[in-house]
PDB file of N, CA and C in Angstrom:
ATOM      1  N   MET A   1       0.252   7.294 118.373  1.00  0.00           N
ATOM      2  CA  MET A   1      -0.775   6.525 117.727  1.00  0.00           C
ATOM      3  C   MET A   1      -1.833   7.442 117.107  1.00  0.00           C
ATOM      4  N   ALA A   2      -2.257   8.470 117.825  1.00  0.00           N
ATOM      5  CA  ALA A   2      -3.261   9.406 117.325  1.00  0.00           C
ATOM      6  C   ALA A   2      -2.717  10.150 116.114  1.00  0.00           C
ATOM      7  N   ARG A   3      -1.431  10.453 116.187  1.00  0.00           N
ATOM      8  CA  ARG A   3      -0.809  11.162 115.070  1.00  0.00           C
ATOM      9  C   ARG A   3      -0.772  10.274 113.817  1.00  0.00           C
ATOM     10  N   ARG A   4      -0.506   9.015 114.017  1.00  0.00           N
ATOM     11  CA  ARG A   4      -0.456   8.073 112.905  1.00  0.00           C
ATOM     12  C   ARG A   4      -1.841   7.950 112.264  1.00  0.00           C
ATOM     13  N   LYS A   5      -2.890   7.862 113.078  1.00  0.00           N
ATOM     14  CA  LYS A   5      -4.245   7.773 112.555  1.00  0.00           C
ATOM     15  C   LYS A   5      -4.616   9.040 111.811  1.00  0.00           C
ATOM     16  N   LYS A   6      -4.126  10.168 112.328  1.00  0.00           N
ATOM     17  CA  LYS A   6      -4.410  11.450 111.672  1.00  0.00           C
ATOM     18  C   LYS A   6      -3.730  11.500 110.305  1.00  0.00           C
ATOM     19  N   ASN A   7      -2.499  11.005 110.217  1.00  0.00           N
ATOM     20  CA  ASN A   7      -1.793  10.968 108.939  1.00  0.00           C
ATOM     21  C   ASN A   7      -2.475  10.000 107.971  1.00  0.00           C
ATOM     22  N   GLN A   8      -2.911   8.861 108.466  1.00  0.00           N
ATOM     23  CA  GLN A   8      -3.609   7.898 107.630  1.00  0.00           C
ATOM     24  C   GLN A   8      -4.934   8.500 107.119  1.00  0.00           C
ATOM     25  N   PHE A   9      -5.607   9.238 107.988  1.00  0.00           N
ATOM     26  CA  PHE A   9      -6.857   9.875 107.586  1.00  0.00           C
ATOM     27  C   PHE A   9      -6.599  10.915 106.500  1.00  0.00           C
ATOM     28  N   LYS A  10      -5.522  11.700 106.657  1.00  0.00           N
ATOM     29  CA  LYS A  10      -5.177  12.695 105.640  1.00  0.00           C
ATOM     30  C   LYS A  10      -4.845  12.023 104.306  1.00  0.00           C
ATOM     31  N   ILE A  11      -4.086  10.929 104.379  1.00  0.00           N
ATOM     32  CA  ILE A  11      -3.731  10.202 103.149  1.00  0.00           C
ATOM     33  C   ILE A  11      -4.989   9.641 102.496  1.00  0.00           C
ATOM     34  N   LEU A  12      -5.862   9.045 103.307  1.00  0.00           N
ATOM     35  CA  LEU A  12      -7.114   8.497 102.792  1.00  0.00           C
ATOM     36  C   LEU A  12      -7.980   9.595 102.194  1.00  0.00           C
ATOM     37  N   LEU A  13      -8.064  10.725 102.857  1.00  0.00           N
ATOM     38  CA  LEU A  13      -8.847  11.856 102.366  1.00  0.00           C
ATOM     39  C   LEU A  13      -8.257  12.389 101.058  1.00  0.00           C
ATOM     40  N   THR A  14      -6.943  12.495 100.996  1.00  0.00           N
ATOM     41  CA  THR A  14      -6.278  12.970  99.786  1.00  0.00           C
ATOM     42  C   THR A  14      -6.508  11.993  98.629  1.00  0.00           C
ATOM     43  N   LEU A  15      -6.359  10.718  98.891  1.00  0.00           N
ATOM     44  CA  LEU A  15      -6.593   9.717  97.853  1.00  0.00           C
ATOM     45  C   LEU A  15      -8.055   9.716  97.403  1.00  0.00           C
ATOM     46  N   SER A  16      -8.959   9.914  98.344  1.00  0.00           N
ATOM     47  CA  SER A  16     -10.385   9.966  98.003  1.00  0.00           C
ATOM     48  C   SER A  16     -10.676  11.146  97.091  1.00  0.00           C
ATOM     49  N   PHE A  17     -10.135  12.309  97.419  1.00  0.00           N
ATOM     50  CA  PHE A  17     -10.332  13.489  96.567  1.00  0.00           C
ATOM     51  C   PHE A  17      -9.688  13.303  95.190  1.00  0.00           C
ATOM     52  N   ALA A  18      -8.521  12.673  95.175  1.00  0.00           N
ATOM     53  CA  ALA A  18      -7.845  12.420  93.894  1.00  0.00           C
ATOM     54  C   ALA A  18      -8.679  11.450  93.051  1.00  0.00           C
ATOM     55  N   ALA A  19      -9.204  10.408  93.673  1.00  0.00           N
ATOM     56  CA  ALA A  19     -10.038   9.459  92.938  1.00  0.00           C
ATOM     57  C   ALA A  19     -11.325  10.129  92.465  1.00  0.00           C
ATOM     58  N   LEU A  20     -11.920  10.938  93.314  1.00  0.00           N
ATOM     59  CA  LEU A  20     -13.127  11.664  92.934  1.00  0.00           C
ATOM     60  C   LEU A  20     -12.839  12.619  91.779  1.00  0.00           C
ATOM     61  N   GLY A  21     -11.707  13.313  91.840  1.00  0.00           N
ATOM     62  CA  GLY A  21     -11.320  14.212  90.743  1.00  0.00           C
ATOM     63  C   GLY A  21     -11.102  13.446  89.450  1.00  0.00           C
ATOM     64  N   ALA A  22     -10.453  12.281  89.531  1.00  0.00           N
ATOM     65  CA  ALA A  22     -10.214  11.469  88.336  1.00  0.00           C
ATOM     66  C   ALA A  22     -11.532  10.969  87.756  1.00  0.00           C
ATOM     67  N   LEU A  23     -12.431  10.540  88.619  1.00  0.00           N
ATOM     68  CA  LEU A  23     -13.739  10.078  88.149  1.00  0.00           C
ATOM     69  C   LEU A  23     -14.533  11.215  87.502  1.00  0.00           C
ATOM     70  N   MET A  24     -14.481  12.390  88.092  1.00  0.00           N
ATOM     71  CA  MET A  24     -15.181  13.542  87.514  1.00  0.00           C
ATOM     72  C   MET A  24     -14.585  13.900  86.157  1.00  0.00           C
ATOM     73  N   PHE A  25     -13.259  13.862  86.060  1.00  0.00           N
ATOM     74  CA  PHE A  25     -12.607  14.152  84.793  1.00  0.00           C
ATOM     75  C   PHE A  25     -13.037  13.141  83.721  1.00  0.00           C
ATOM     76  N   CYS A  26     -13.047  11.858  84.069  1.00  0.00           N
ATOM     77  CA  CYS A  26     -13.469  10.824  83.110  1.00  0.00           C
ATOM     78  C   CYS A  26     -14.921  11.023  82.704  1.00  0.00           C
ATOM     79  N   TYR A  27     -15.780  11.358  83.661  1.00  0.00           N
ATOM     80  CA  TYR A  27     -17.193  11.563  83.363  1.00  0.00           C
ATOM     81  C   TYR A  27     -17.371  12.742  82.403  1.00  0.00           C
ATOM     82  N   ILE A  28     -16.716  13.852  82.703  1.00  0.00           N
ATOM     83  CA  ILE A  28     -16.829  15.040  81.849  1.00  0.00           C
ATOM     84  C   ILE A  28     -16.264  14.749  80.464  1.00  0.00           C
ATOM     85  N   PHE A  29     -15.162  14.041  80.400  1.00  0.00           N
ATOM     86  CA  PHE A  29     -14.562  13.682  79.107  1.00  0.00           C
ATOM     87  C   PHE A  29     -15.509  12.810  78.295  1.00  0.00           C
ATOM     88  N   GLN A  30     -16.129  11.817  78.931  1.00  0.00           N
ATOM     89  CA  GLN A  30     -17.053  10.933  78.223  1.00  0.00           C
ATOM     90  C   GLN A  30     -18.298  11.680  77.757  1.00  0.00           C
ATOM     91  N   VAL A  31     -18.820  12.569  78.582  1.00  0.00           N
ATOM     92  CA  VAL A  31     -19.995  13.357  78.188  1.00  0.00           C
ATOM     93  C   VAL A  31     -19.642  14.233  76.991  1.00  0.00           C
ATOM     94  N   SER A  32     -18.448  14.801  77.015  1.00  0.00           N
ATOM     95  CA  SER A  32     -17.996  15.617  75.892  1.00  0.00           C
ATOM     96  C   SER A  32     -17.887  14.782  74.622  1.00  0.00           C
ATOM     97  N   GLN A  33     -17.330  13.589  74.727  1.00  0.00           N
ATOM     98  CA  GLN A  33     -17.197  12.706  73.572  1.00  0.00           C
ATOM     99  C   GLN A  33     -18.572  12.282  73.041  1.00  0.00           C
ATOM    100  N   ILE A  34     -19.510  12.010  73.925  1.00  0.00           N
ATOM    101  CA  ILE A  34     -20.868  11.631  73.513  1.00  0.00           C
ATOM    102  C   ILE A  34     -21.548  12.788  72.791  1.00  0.00           C
ATOM    103  N   ALA A  35     -21.383  13.993  73.317  1.00  0.00           N
ATOM    104  CA  ALA A  35     -21.985  15.164  72.676  1.00  0.00           C
ATOM    105  C   ALA A  35     -21.397  15.375  71.283  1.00  0.00           C
ATOM    106  N   GLN A  36     -20.099  15.226  71.162  1.00  0.00           N
ATOM    107  CA  GLN A  36     -19.452  15.402  69.863  1.00  0.00           C
ATOM    108  C   GLN A  36     -19.907  14.325  68.882  1.00  0.00           C
ATOM    109  N   ALA A  37     -19.987  13.083  69.327  1.00  0.00           N
ATOM    110  CA  ALA A  37     -20.432  11.995  68.457  1.00  0.00           C
ATOM    111  C   ALA A  37     -21.885  12.208  68.028  1.00  0.00           C
ATOM    112  N   SER A  38     -22.727  12.667  68.944  1.00  0.00           N
ATOM    113  CA  SER A  38     -24.129  12.931  68.608  1.00  0.00           C
ATOM    114  C   SER A  38     -24.240  14.029  67.565  1.00  0.00           C
ATOM    115  N   TYR A  39     -23.438  15.064  67.697  1.00  0.00           N
ATOM    116  CA  TYR A  39     -23.440  16.146  66.716  1.00  0.00           C
ATOM    117  C   TYR A  39     -23.011  15.630  65.344  1.00  0.00           C
ATOM    118  N   GLU A  40     -21.945  14.823  65.314  1.00  0.00           N
ATOM    119  CA  GLU A  40     -21.466  14.282  64.039  1.00  0.00           C
ATOM    120  C   GLU A  40     -22.489  13.347  63.404  1.00  0.00           C
ATOM    121  N   ILE A  41     -23.199  12.567  64.213  1.00  0.00           N
ATOM    122  CA  ILE A  41     -24.246  11.696  63.688  1.00  0.00           C
ATOM    123  C   ILE A  41     -25.355  12.534  63.075  1.00  0.00           C
ATOM    124  N   GLY A  42     -25.755  13.593  63.752  1.00  0.00           N
ATOM    125  CA  GLY A  42     -26.788  14.480  63.214  1.00  0.00           C
ATOM    126  C   GLY A  42     -26.368  15.116  61.901  1.00  0.00           C
ATOM    127  N   GLU A  43     -25.120  15.570  61.843  1.00  0.00           N
ATOM    128  CA  GLU A  43     -24.609  16.159  60.608  1.00  0.00           C
ATOM    129  C   GLU A  43     -24.595  15.136  59.475  1.00  0.00           C
ATOM    130  N   SER A  44     -24.171  13.918  59.780  1.00  0.00           N
ATOM    131  CA  SER A  44     -24.141  12.864  58.761  1.00  0.00           C
ATOM    132  C   SER A  44     -25.548  12.532  58.277  1.00  0.00           C
ATOM    133  N   GLN A  45     -26.518  12.515  59.183  1.00  0.00           N
ATOM    134  CA  GLN A  45     -27.899  12.242  58.784  1.00  0.00           C
ATOM    135  C   GLN A  45     -28.444  13.354  57.899  1.00  0.00           C
ATOM    136  N   ARG A  46     -28.109  14.601  58.206  1.00  0.00           N
ATOM    137  CA  ARG A  46     -28.552  15.711  57.356  1.00  0.00           C
ATOM    138  C   ARG A  46     -27.912  15.618  55.970  1.00  0.00           C
ATOM    139  N   LYS A  47     -26.630  15.286  55.915  1.00  0.00           N
ATOM    140  CA  LYS A  47     -25.956  15.123  54.619  1.00  0.00           C
ATOM    141  C   LYS A  47     -26.584  13.974  53.837  1.00  0.00           C
ATOM    142  N   LEU A  48     -26.906  12.885  54.526  1.00  0.00           N
ATOM    143  CA  LEU A  48     -27.520  11.738  53.875  1.00  0.00           C
ATOM    144  C   LEU A  48     -28.872  12.104  53.275  1.00  0.00           C
ATOM    145  N   GLU A  49     -29.667  12.867  54.005  1.00  0.00           N
ATOM    146  CA  GLU A  49     -30.973  13.302  53.492  1.00  0.00           C
ATOM    147  C   GLU A  49     -30.796  14.201  52.266  1.00  0.00           C
ATOM    148  N   THR A  50     -29.817  15.093  52.314  1.00  0.00           N
ATOM    149  CA  THR A  50     -29.550  15.973  51.181  1.00  0.00           C
ATOM    150  C   THR A  50     -29.119  15.152  49.959  1.00  0.00           C
ATOM    151  N   ILE A  51     -28.265  14.175  50.180  1.00  0.00           N
ATOM    152  CA  ILE A  51     -27.800  13.338  49.078  1.00  0.00           C
ATOM    153  C   ILE A  51     -28.956  12.519  48.508  1.00  0.00           C
ATOM    154  N   LYS A  52     -29.835  12.003  49.371  1.00  0.00           N
ATOM    155  CA  LYS A  52     -30.996  11.252  48.891  1.00  0.00           C
ATOM    156  C   LYS A  52     -31.890  12.134  48.019  1.00  0.00           C
ATOM    157  N   LYS A  53     -32.092  13.380  48.427  1.00  0.00           N
ATOM    158  CA  LYS A  53     -32.903  14.299  47.621  1.00  0.00           C
ATOM    159  C   LYS A  53     -32.234  14.572  46.280  1.00  0.00           C
ATOM    160  N   ASP A  54     -30.910  14.764  46.296  1.00  0.00           N
ATOM    161  CA  ASP A  54     -30.179  14.998  45.050  1.00  0.00           C
ATOM    162  C   ASP A  54     -30.280  13.800  44.113  1.00  0.00           C
ATOM    163  N   VAL A  55     -30.163  12.605  44.657  1.00  0.00           N
ATOM    164  CA  VAL A  55     -30.252  11.392  43.838  1.00  0.00           C
ATOM    165  C   VAL A  55     -31.641  11.276  43.230  1.00  0.00           C
ATOM    166  N   ALA A  56     -32.674  11.538  44.024  1.00  0.00           N
ATOM    167  CA  ALA A  56     -34.037  11.467  43.498  1.00  0.00           C
ATOM    168  C   ALA A  56     -34.242  12.488  42.387  1.00  0.00           C
ATOM    169  N   SER A  57     -33.704  13.684  42.579  1.00  0.00           N
ATOM    170  CA  SER A  57     -33.814  14.729  41.565  1.00  0.00           C
ATOM    171  C   SER A  57     -33.087  14.321  40.287  1.00  0.00           C
ATOM    172  N   LEU A  58     -31.886  13.765  40.420  1.00  0.00           N
ATOM    173  CA  LEU A  58     -31.125  13.329  39.247  1.00  0.00           C
ATOM    174  C   LEU A  58     -31.816  12.171  38.531  1.00  0.00           C
ATOM    175  N   GLU A  59     -32.399  11.248  39.296  1.00  0.00           N
ATOM    176  CA  GLU A  59     -33.111  10.133  38.666  1.00  0.00           C
ATOM    177  C   GLU A  59     -34.310  10.619  37.869  1.00  0.00           C
ATOM    178  N   SER A  60     -35.058  11.583  38.430  1.00  0.00           N
ATOM    179  CA  SER A  60     -36.217  12.094  37.694  1.00  0.00           C
ATOM    180  C   SER A  60     -35.772  12.852  36.446  1.00  0.00           C
ATOM    181  N   ALA A  61     -34.681  13.607  36.534  1.00  0.00           N
ATOM    182  CA  ALA A  61     -34.154  14.310  35.356  1.00  0.00           C
ATOM    183  C   ALA A  61     -33.681  13.306  34.310  1.00  0.00           C
ATOM    184  N   LEU A  62     -33.069  12.224  34.754  1.00  0.00           N
ATOM    185  CA  LEU A  62     -32.607  11.194  33.826  1.00  0.00           C
ATOM    186  C   LEU A  62     -33.786  10.541  33.119  1.00  0.00           C
ATOM    187  N   LEU A  63     -34.844  10.257  33.849  1.00  0.00           N
ATOM    188  CA  LEU A  63     -36.021   9.652  33.233  1.00  0.00           C
ATOM    189  C   LEU A  63     -36.694  10.608  32.242  1.00  0.00           C
ATOM    190  N   ARG A  64     -36.692  11.897  32.560  1.00  0.00           N
ATOM    191  CA  ARG A  64     -37.282  12.877  31.642  1.00  0.00           C
ATOM    192  C   ARG A  64     -36.468  12.998  30.365  1.00  0.00           C
ATOM    193  N   ASN A  65     -35.157  12.929  30.480  1.00  0.00           N
ATOM    194  CA  ASN A  65     -34.276  13.152  29.326  1.00  0.00           C
ATOM    195  C   ASN A  65     -34.040  11.901  28.493  1.00  0.00           C
ATOM    196  N   ASN A  66     -34.268  10.734  29.043  1.00  0.00           N
ATOM    197  CA  ASN A  66     -34.016   9.490  28.313  1.00  0.00           C
ATOM    198  C   ASN A  66     -35.304   8.979  27.674  1.00  0.00           C
ATOM    199  N   THR A  67     -35.712   9.648  26.621  1.00  0.00           N
ATOM    200  CA  THR A  67     -36.870   9.196  25.861  1.00  0.00           C
ATOM    201  C   THR A  67     -36.415   8.812  24.465  1.00  0.00           C
ATOM    202  N   LEU A  68     -37.253   8.066  23.778  1.00  0.00           N
ATOM    203  CA  LEU A  68     -36.913   7.621  22.432  1.00  0.00           C
ATOM    204  C   LEU A  68     -36.737   8.819  21.495  1.00  0.00           C
ATOM    205  N   GLY A  69     -37.577   9.838  21.655  1.00  0.00           N
ATOM    206  CA  GLY A  69     -37.456  11.040  20.824  1.00  0.00           C
ATOM    207  C   GLY A  69     -36.119  11.726  21.013  1.00  0.00           C
ATOM    208  N   ASN A  70     -35.665  11.786  22.240  1.00  0.00           N
ATOM    209  CA  ASN A  70     -34.363  12.411  22.502  1.00  0.00           C
ATOM    210  C   ASN A  70     -33.229  11.607  21.871  1.00  0.00           C
ATOM    211  N   TYR A  71     -33.334  10.271  21.917  1.00  0.00           N
ATOM    212  CA  TYR A  71     -32.307   9.454  21.298  1.00  0.00           C
ATOM    213  C   TYR A  71     -32.295   9.645  19.776  1.00  0.00           C
ATOM    214  N   GLU A  72     -33.485   9.667  19.175  1.00  0.00           N
ATOM    215  CA  GLU A  72     -33.552   9.868  17.728  1.00  0.00           C
ATOM    216  C   GLU A  72     -32.981  11.222  17.328  1.00  0.00           C
ATOM    217  N   GLN A  73     -33.279  12.246  18.114  1.00  0.00           N
ATOM    218  CA  GLN A  73     -32.753  13.578  17.831  1.00  0.00           C
ATOM    219  C   GLN A  73     -31.226  13.586  17.948  1.00  0.00           C
ATOM    220  N   LYS A  74     -30.703  12.957  18.959  1.00  0.00           N
ATOM    221  CA  LYS A  74     -29.247  12.911  19.153  1.00  0.00           C
ATOM    222  C   LYS A  74     -28.573  12.146  18.016  1.00  0.00           C
ATOM    223  N   LEU A  75     -29.180  11.037  17.584  1.00  0.00           N
ATOM    224  CA  LEU A  75     -28.619  10.278  16.464  1.00  0.00           C
ATOM    225  C   LEU A  75     -28.630  11.099  15.188  1.00  0.00           C
ATOM    226  N   ASN A  76     -29.685  11.872  14.948  1.00  0.00           N
ATOM    227  CA  ASN A  76     -29.739  12.755  13.776  1.00  0.00           C
ATOM    228  C   ASN A  76     -28.654  13.821  13.852  1.00  0.00           C
ATOM    229  N   GLU A  77     -28.422  14.367  15.054  1.00  0.00           N
ATOM    230  CA  GLU A  77     -27.381  15.381  15.226  1.00  0.00           C
ATOM    231  C   GLU A  77     -25.997  14.795  14.942  1.00  0.00           C
ATOM    232  N   LEU A  78     -25.808  13.511  15.265  1.00  0.00           N
ATOM    233  CA  LEU A  78     -24.524  12.865  15.027  1.00  0.00           C
ATOM    234  C   LEU A  78     -24.348  12.406  13.582  1.00  0.00           C
ATOM    235  N   GLY A  79     -25.392  12.560  12.756  1.00  0.00           N
ATOM    236  CA  GLY A  79     -25.265  12.241  11.342  1.00  0.00           C
ATOM    237  C   GLY A  79     -25.746  10.849  10.971  1.00  0.00           C
ATOM    238  N   TYR A  80     -26.333  10.134  11.883  1.00  0.00           N
ATOM    239  CA  TYR A  80     -26.867   8.816  11.549  1.00  0.00           C
ATOM    240  C   TYR A  80     -28.206   8.978  10.825  1.00  0.00           C
ATOM    241  N   GLN A  81     -28.520   8.009   9.988  1.00  0.00           N
ATOM    242  CA  GLN A  81     -29.783   8.057   9.252  1.00  0.00           C
ATOM    243  C   GLN A  81     -30.610   6.838   9.589  1.00  0.00           C
ATOM    244  N   LYS A  82     -31.904   6.997   9.432  1.00  0.00           N
ATOM    245  CA  LYS A  82     -32.819   5.906   9.706  1.00  0.00           C
ATOM    246  C   LYS A  82     -32.712   4.867   8.586  1.00  0.00           C
ATOM    247  N   ILE A  83     -32.705   3.616   8.945  1.00  0.00           N
ATOM    248  CA  ILE A  83     -32.590   2.533   7.968  1.00  0.00           C
ATOM    249  C   ILE A  83     -33.977   2.207   7.439  1.00  0.00           C
ATOM    250  N   ASP A  84     -34.103   2.273   6.107  1.00  0.00           N
ATOM    251  CA  ASP A  84     -35.388   1.962   5.478  1.00  0.00           C
ATOM    252  C   ASP A  84     -35.408   0.538   4.939  1.00  0.00           C
ATOM    253  N   ARG A  85     -34.281   0.095   4.450  1.00  0.00           N
ATOM    254  CA  ARG A  85     -34.235  -1.196   3.794  1.00  0.00           C
ATOM    255  C   ARG A  85     -32.966  -1.924   4.215  1.00  0.00           C
ATOM    256  N   ILE A  86     -33.082  -3.222   4.386  1.00  0.00           N
ATOM    257  CA  ILE A  86     -31.925  -4.029   4.762  1.00  0.00           C
ATOM    258  C   ILE A  86     -31.700  -5.064   3.681  1.00  0.00           C
ATOM    259  N   ASP A  87     -30.501  -5.081   3.148  1.00  0.00           N
ATOM    260  CA  ASP A  87     -30.120  -6.080   2.153  1.00  0.00           C
ATOM    261  C   ASP A  87     -29.117  -7.026   2.799  1.00  0.00           C
ATOM    262  N   TYR A  88     -29.328  -8.308   2.599  1.00  0.00           N
ATOM    263  CA  TYR A  88     -28.432  -9.312   3.154  1.00  0.00           C
ATOM    264  C   TYR A  88     -27.536  -9.856   2.045  1.00  0.00           C
ATOM    265  N   VAL A  89     -26.327 -10.221   2.413  1.00  0.00           N
ATOM    266  CA  VAL A  89     -25.389 -10.824   1.479  1.00  0.00           C
ATOM    267  C   VAL A  89     -25.501 -12.331   1.642  1.00  0.00           C
ATOM    268  N   ALA A  90     -25.767 -13.010   0.554  1.00  0.00           N
ATOM    269  CA  ALA A  90     -25.872 -14.462   0.604  1.00  0.00           C
ATOM    270  C   ALA A  90     -24.488 -15.067   0.492  1.00  0.00           C
ATOM    271  N   VAL A  91     -24.130 -15.944   1.391  1.00  0.00           N
ATOM    272  CA  VAL A  91     -22.833 -16.601   1.396  1.00  0.00           C
ATOM    273  C   VAL A  91     -23.097 -18.083   1.227  1.00  0.00           C
ATOM    274  N   SER A  92     -22.341 -18.699   0.292  1.00  0.00           N
ATOM    275  CA  SER A  92     -22.527 -20.131   0.086  1.00  0.00           C
ATOM    276  C   SER A  92     -22.018 -20.890   1.295  1.00  0.00           C
ATOM    277  N   GLY A  93     -22.239 -22.157   1.300  1.00  0.00           N
ATOM    278  CA  GLY A  93     -21.839 -22.990   2.408  1.00  0.00           C
ATOM    279  C   GLY A  93     -20.334 -23.166   2.513  1.00  0.00           C
ATOM    280  N   ALA A  94     -19.585 -22.607   1.587  1.00  0.00           N
ATOM    281  CA  ALA A  94     -18.131 -22.751   1.623  1.00  0.00           C
ATOM    282  C   ALA A  94     -17.565 -21.989   2.818  1.00  0.00           C
ATOM    283  N   VAL A  95     -16.370 -22.411   3.205  1.00  0.00           N
ATOM    284  CA  VAL A  95     -15.715 -21.748   4.337  1.00  0.00           C
ATOM    285  C   VAL A  95     -15.228 -20.390   3.891  1.00  0.00           C
ATOM    286  N   VAL A  96     -15.604 -19.377   4.618  1.00  0.00           N
ATOM    287  CA  VAL A  96     -15.189 -18.024   4.280  1.00  0.00           C
ATOM    288  C   VAL A  96     -13.826 -17.734   4.855  1.00  0.00           C
ATOM    289  N   ALA A  97     -13.611 -18.203   6.084  1.00  0.00           N
ATOM    290  CA  ALA A  97     -12.309 -18.001   6.730  1.00  0.00           C
ATOM    291  C   ALA A  97     -11.938 -19.286   7.428  1.00  0.00           C
ATOM    292  N   GLN A  98     -10.678 -19.567   7.451  1.00  0.00           N
ATOM    293  CA  GLN A  98     -10.275 -20.765   8.149  1.00  0.00           C
ATOM    294  C   GLN A  98      -9.013 -20.460   8.938  1.00  0.00           C
ATOM    295  N   SER A  99      -8.856 -21.205  10.003  1.00  0.00           N
ATOM    296  CA  SER A  99      -7.686 -20.991  10.865  1.00  0.00           C
ATOM    297  C   SER A  99      -6.519 -21.804  10.349  1.00  0.00           C
ATOM    298  N   ARG A 100      -5.325 -21.393  10.642  1.00  0.00           N
ATOM    299  CA  ARG A 100      -4.125 -22.089  10.194  1.00  0.00           C
ATOM    300  C   ARG A 100      -3.511 -22.860  11.301  1.00  0.00           C
TER     301      ARG A 100
END
């Protein structure tokens, strides 16, 4: 009987250590995963801040470059001319085009 209790105690002790080891492994694994996720979140936040700064810089450059003078200069470079006079063609009330 004493021997049986001793074997049961050894089995219980072994199972307890195995459960404790498994719990420690899970805890360490979860802490590692949390640390990695926190690092990735920090990196993503830094990238987001950098992108926000880039967008603000591009928007200000766009506002500086999109002026009426710049458009007129670009149109002149493309060969367009300023319209001084507009002549309209008078069309009688007759049908100009009709469908078949």
